[in-house]
Amino acid sequence: MRLKFYETTPGEVVVEYAVPEQFQGYPGVVHGGVVAAILDEVTGRTQMGGYPPRFMFTARLNIRYRKNVPIGKPLKIIGRAGISRETTATATGQIFGPDGVLLAEAEAVLVNVPDAIVDNVNLEALGWKVDPD
């Protein structure tokens, strides 16, 4: 999806995105799996703002779909870091519609990606980065 994340404050990332039609489930509505993927991405990015960046994968993602997420409309997606421990962390993610209404939200439990994997992959080339605001 090529989302571009911006760190607005430590532990908070924001992305603005209009989901293209190819990701629709029902006419005019983003597929629920795509909504889940967006929330997964934004929660994982909340831990990447430090130095060195912390790369994590999702161990659990609980999603609440509140309203249909519209295709082609500007969305504001926010991720916030929660509790951070040595090998795990928590985070939340929210998707807001063009009118500011909360459309979907998630709580995530994240686990460190093993150093052996991080050391051998160019994660930034894969799109794993957070830009300063």
C-alpha atoms as a PDB file:
ATOM      1  CA  MET A   1       0.000   0.000   0.000  1.00  0.00           C
ATOM      2  CA  ARG A   2       3.092   2.220   0.241  1.00  0.00           C
ATOM      3  CA  LEU A   3       1.936   4.084   3.334  1.00  0.00           C
ATOM      4  CA  LYS A   4       4.250   6.874   4.473  1.00  0.00           C
ATOM      5  CA  PHE A   5       4.361   7.211   8.264  1.00  0.00           C
ATOM      6  CA  TYR A   6       5.304  10.372  10.133  1.00  0.00           C
ATOM      7  CA  GLU A   7       6.297  10.529  13.775  1.00  0.00           C
ATOM      8  CA  THR A   8       4.370  13.467  15.268  1.00  0.00           C
ATOM      9  CA  THR A   9       5.558  12.937  18.851  1.00  0.00           C
ATOM     10  CA  PRO A  10       7.673  10.153  20.393  1.00  0.00           C
ATOM     11  CA  GLY A  11       5.606   6.985  20.201  1.00  0.00           C
ATOM     12  CA  GLU A  12       2.946   8.440  17.893  1.00  0.00           C
ATOM     13  CA  VAL A  13       2.826   8.016  14.122  1.00  0.00           C
ATOM     14  CA  VAL A  14       0.333   9.382  11.628  1.00  0.00           C
ATOM     15  CA  VAL A  15      -0.404   8.604   8.002  1.00  0.00           C
ATOM     16  CA  GLU A  16      -2.977  10.130   5.687  1.00  0.00           C
ATOM     17  CA  TYR A  17      -4.208   7.823   2.968  1.00  0.00           C
ATOM     18  CA  ALA A  18      -7.060   7.314   0.534  1.00  0.00           C
ATOM     19  CA  VAL A  19      -7.504   3.593  -0.085  1.00  0.00           C
ATOM     20  CA  PRO A  20      -7.674   2.844  -3.836  1.00  0.00           C
ATOM     21  CA  GLU A  21     -10.643   1.048  -5.376  1.00  0.00           C
ATOM     22  CA  GLN A  22      -8.672  -2.173  -5.924  1.00  0.00           C
ATOM     23  CA  PHE A  23      -8.896  -2.791  -2.138  1.00  0.00           C
ATOM     24  CA  GLN A  24     -12.672  -2.627  -1.883  1.00  0.00           C
ATOM     25  CA  GLY A  25     -14.693  -5.465  -0.428  1.00  0.00           C
ATOM     26  CA  TYR A  26     -18.234  -4.255  -1.003  1.00  0.00           C
ATOM     27  CA  PRO A  27     -18.933  -1.340  -3.362  1.00  0.00           C
ATOM     28  CA  GLY A  28     -17.392   1.808  -1.912  1.00  0.00           C
ATOM     29  CA  VAL A  29     -16.107   0.026   1.220  1.00  0.00           C
ATOM     30  CA  VAL A  30     -12.533  -1.026   2.070  1.00  0.00           C
ATOM     31  CA  HIS A  31     -12.157  -4.792   2.536  1.00  0.00           C
ATOM     32  CA  GLY A  32     -11.951  -5.699   6.241  1.00  0.00           C
ATOM     33  CA  GLY A  33      -8.659  -7.525   5.707  1.00  0.00           C
ATOM     34  CA  VAL A  34      -7.136  -4.364   4.258  1.00  0.00           C
ATOM     35  CA  VAL A  35      -8.407  -2.379   7.264  1.00  0.00           C
ATOM     36  CA  ALA A  36      -6.686  -4.971   9.481  1.00  0.00           C
ATOM     37  CA  ALA A  37      -3.458  -4.674   7.473  1.00  0.00           C
ATOM     38  CA  ILE A  38      -3.455  -0.870   7.821  1.00  0.00           C
ATOM     39  CA  LEU A  39      -3.969  -1.125  11.586  1.00  0.00           C
ATOM     40  CA  ASP A  40      -1.262  -3.783  11.794  1.00  0.00           C
ATOM     41  CA  GLU A  41       1.176  -1.516   9.967  1.00  0.00           C
ATOM     42  CA  VAL A  42       0.475   1.590  12.025  1.00  0.00           C
ATOM     43  CA  THR A  43       0.751  -0.193  15.378  1.00  0.00           C
ATOM     44  CA  GLY A  44       4.076  -1.756  14.411  1.00  0.00           C
ATOM     45  CA  ARG A  45       5.523   1.609  13.389  1.00  0.00           C
ATOM     46  CA  THR A  46       4.912   3.130  16.843  1.00  0.00           C
ATOM     47  CA  GLN A  47       8.060   1.486  18.199  1.00  0.00           C
ATOM     48  CA  MET A  48      10.369   2.574  15.371  1.00  0.00           C
ATOM     49  CA  GLY A  49      11.029   6.171  16.381  1.00  0.00           C
ATOM     50  CA  GLY A  50      13.897   5.558  18.810  1.00  0.00           C
ATOM     51  CA  TYR A  51      17.535   5.025  18.038  1.00  0.00           C
ATOM     52  CA  PRO A  52      18.215   2.450  16.945  1.00  0.00           C
ATOM     53  CA  PRO A  53      14.725   1.825  15.571  1.00  0.00           C
ATOM     54  CA  ARG A  54      12.951  -1.102  17.155  1.00  0.00           C
ATOM     55  CA  PHE A  55      11.601  -3.620  14.649  1.00  0.00           C
ATOM     56  CA  MET A  56       8.721  -5.749  15.889  1.00  0.00           C
ATOM     57  CA  PHE A  57       6.156  -8.177  14.547  1.00  0.00           C
ATOM     58  CA  THR A  58       2.569  -8.557  15.646  1.00  0.00           C
ATOM     59  CA  ALA A  59       1.791 -11.356  18.088  1.00  0.00           C
ATOM     60  CA  ARG A  60      -1.841 -10.342  18.594  1.00  0.00           C
ATOM     61  CA  LEU A  61      -4.123  -7.809  16.931  1.00  0.00           C
ATOM     62  CA  ASN A  62      -7.609  -7.120  18.270  1.00  0.00           C
ATOM     63  CA  ILE A  63      -9.723  -5.041  15.902  1.00  0.00           C
ATOM     64  CA  ARG A  64     -12.993  -3.267  16.382  1.00  0.00           C
ATOM     65  CA  TYR A  65     -14.726  -2.306  13.150  1.00  0.00           C
ATOM     66  CA  ARG A  66     -17.004   0.597  14.077  1.00  0.00           C
ATOM     67  CA  LYS A  67     -18.168   1.877  10.674  1.00  0.00           C
ATOM     68  CA  ASN A  68     -17.448   1.148   7.023  1.00  0.00           C
ATOM     69  CA  VAL A  69     -14.122   2.550   5.852  1.00  0.00           C
ATOM     70  CA  PRO A  70     -14.756   4.333   2.533  1.00  0.00           C
ATOM     71  CA  ILE A  71     -12.779   3.779  -0.652  1.00  0.00           C
ATOM     72  CA  GLY A  72     -11.030   6.822  -2.136  1.00  0.00           C
ATOM     73  CA  LYS A  73     -11.715   9.210   0.769  1.00  0.00           C
ATOM     74  CA  PRO A  74      -8.956  10.866   2.840  1.00  0.00           C
ATOM     75  CA  LEU A  75      -8.372   8.889   6.032  1.00  0.00           C
ATOM     76  CA  LYS A  76      -6.262   9.805   9.032  1.00  0.00           C
ATOM     77  CA  ILE A  77      -4.554   6.810  10.609  1.00  0.00           C
ATOM     78  CA  ILE A  78      -2.895   7.168  14.011  1.00  0.00           C
ATOM     79  CA  GLY A  79      -0.734   4.719  15.939  1.00  0.00           C
ATOM     80  CA  ARG A  80       0.287   5.189  19.557  1.00  0.00           C
ATOM     81  CA  ALA A  81       2.871   3.233  21.514  1.00  0.00           C
ATOM     82  CA  GLY A  82       1.750   1.636  24.742  1.00  0.00           C
ATOM     83  CA  ILE A  83       3.755  -0.258  27.342  1.00  0.00           C
ATOM     84  CA  SER A  84       7.264  -1.163  26.206  1.00  0.00           C
ATOM     85  CA  ARG A  85       9.214  -4.030  27.735  1.00  0.00           C
ATOM     86  CA  GLU A  86      12.509  -5.648  26.798  1.00  0.00           C
ATOM     87  CA  THR A  87      11.119  -8.050  24.189  1.00  0.00           C
ATOM     88  CA  THR A  88       7.461  -6.989  23.859  1.00  0.00           C
ATOM     89  CA  ALA A  89       5.371  -3.866  23.563  1.00  0.00           C
ATOM     90  CA  THR A  90       1.765  -2.807  23.115  1.00  0.00           C
ATOM     91  CA  ALA A  91       0.282  -0.250  20.749  1.00  0.00           C
ATOM     92  CA  THR A  92      -3.041   1.069  19.528  1.00  0.00           C
ATOM     93  CA  GLY A  93      -4.173   2.159  16.096  1.00  0.00           C
ATOM     94  CA  GLN A  94      -7.150   4.135  14.873  1.00  0.00           C
ATOM     95  CA  ILE A  95      -8.602   4.989  11.474  1.00  0.00           C
ATOM     96  CA  PHE A  96     -10.629   8.200  11.192  1.00  0.00           C
ATOM     97  CA  GLY A  97     -12.827   9.179   8.263  1.00  0.00           C
ATOM     98  CA  PRO A  98     -12.758  12.500   6.415  1.00  0.00           C
ATOM     99  CA  ASP A  99     -15.241  13.924   8.933  1.00  0.00           C
ATOM    100  CA  GLY A 100     -13.110  12.872  11.926  1.00  0.00           C
ATOM    101  CA  VAL A 101     -15.355   9.956  12.932  1.00  0.00           C
ATOM    102  CA  LEU A 102     -13.601   6.857  14.303  1.00  0.00           C
ATOM    103  CA  LEU A 103     -14.110   4.039  11.791  1.00  0.00           C
ATOM    104  CA  ALA A 104     -11.890   1.241  13.130  1.00  0.00           C
ATOM    105  CA  GLU A 105      -9.437   0.701  15.956  1.00  0.00           C
ATOM    106  CA  ALA A 106      -7.016  -1.942  17.162  1.00  0.00           C
ATOM    107  CA  GLU A 107      -4.914  -3.005  20.114  1.00  0.00           C
ATOM    108  CA  ALA A 108      -1.698  -4.855  19.346  1.00  0.00           C
ATOM    109  CA  VAL A 109       0.864  -6.908  21.213  1.00  0.00           C
ATOM    110  CA  LEU A 110       4.224  -6.691  19.478  1.00  0.00           C
ATOM    111  CA  VAL A 111       7.341  -8.863  19.801  1.00  0.00           C
ATOM    112  CA  ASN A 112      10.927  -7.976  18.840  1.00  0.00           C
ATOM    113  CA  VAL A 113      12.127  -9.228  15.473  1.00  0.00           C
ATOM    114  CA  PRO A 114      15.230 -11.325  16.241  1.00  0.00           C
ATOM    115  CA  ASP A 115      18.505  -9.444  15.700  1.00  0.00           C
ATOM    116  CA  ALA A 116      19.722 -12.123  13.275  1.00  0.00           C
ATOM    117  CA  ILE A 117      16.861 -11.223  10.922  1.00  0.00           C
ATOM    118  CA  VAL A 118      17.180  -7.443  11.314  1.00  0.00           C
ATOM    119  CA  ASP A 119      20.951  -7.530  10.748  1.00  0.00           C
ATOM    120  CA  ASN A 120      20.643  -9.324   7.386  1.00  0.00           C
ATOM    121  CA  VAL A 121      17.827  -7.357   5.745  1.00  0.00           C
ATOM    122  CA  ASN A 122      17.642  -3.812   4.393  1.00  0.00           C
ATOM    123  CA  LEU A 123      14.384  -2.997   6.176  1.00  0.00           C
ATOM    124  CA  GLU A 124      14.288   0.596   4.937  1.00  0.00           C
ATOM    125  CA  ALA A 125      14.393  -0.638   1.344  1.00  0.00           C
ATOM    126  CA  LEU A 126      11.334  -2.738   2.183  1.00  0.00           C
ATOM    127  CA  GLY A 127       9.520   0.390   3.365  1.00  0.00           C
ATOM    128  CA  TRP A 128      10.124  -0.100   7.088  1.00  0.00           C
ATOM    129  CA  LYS A 129      10.808   3.429   8.192  1.00  0.00           C
ATOM    130  CA  VAL A 130       9.161   6.328   9.965  1.00  0.00           C
ATOM    131  CA  ASP A 131       9.777   9.865   8.759  1.00  0.00           C
ATOM    132  CA  PRO A 132      10.039  12.835  11.111  1.00  0.00           C
ATOM    133  CA  ASP A 133       7.037  15.161  10.975  1.00  0.00           C
END
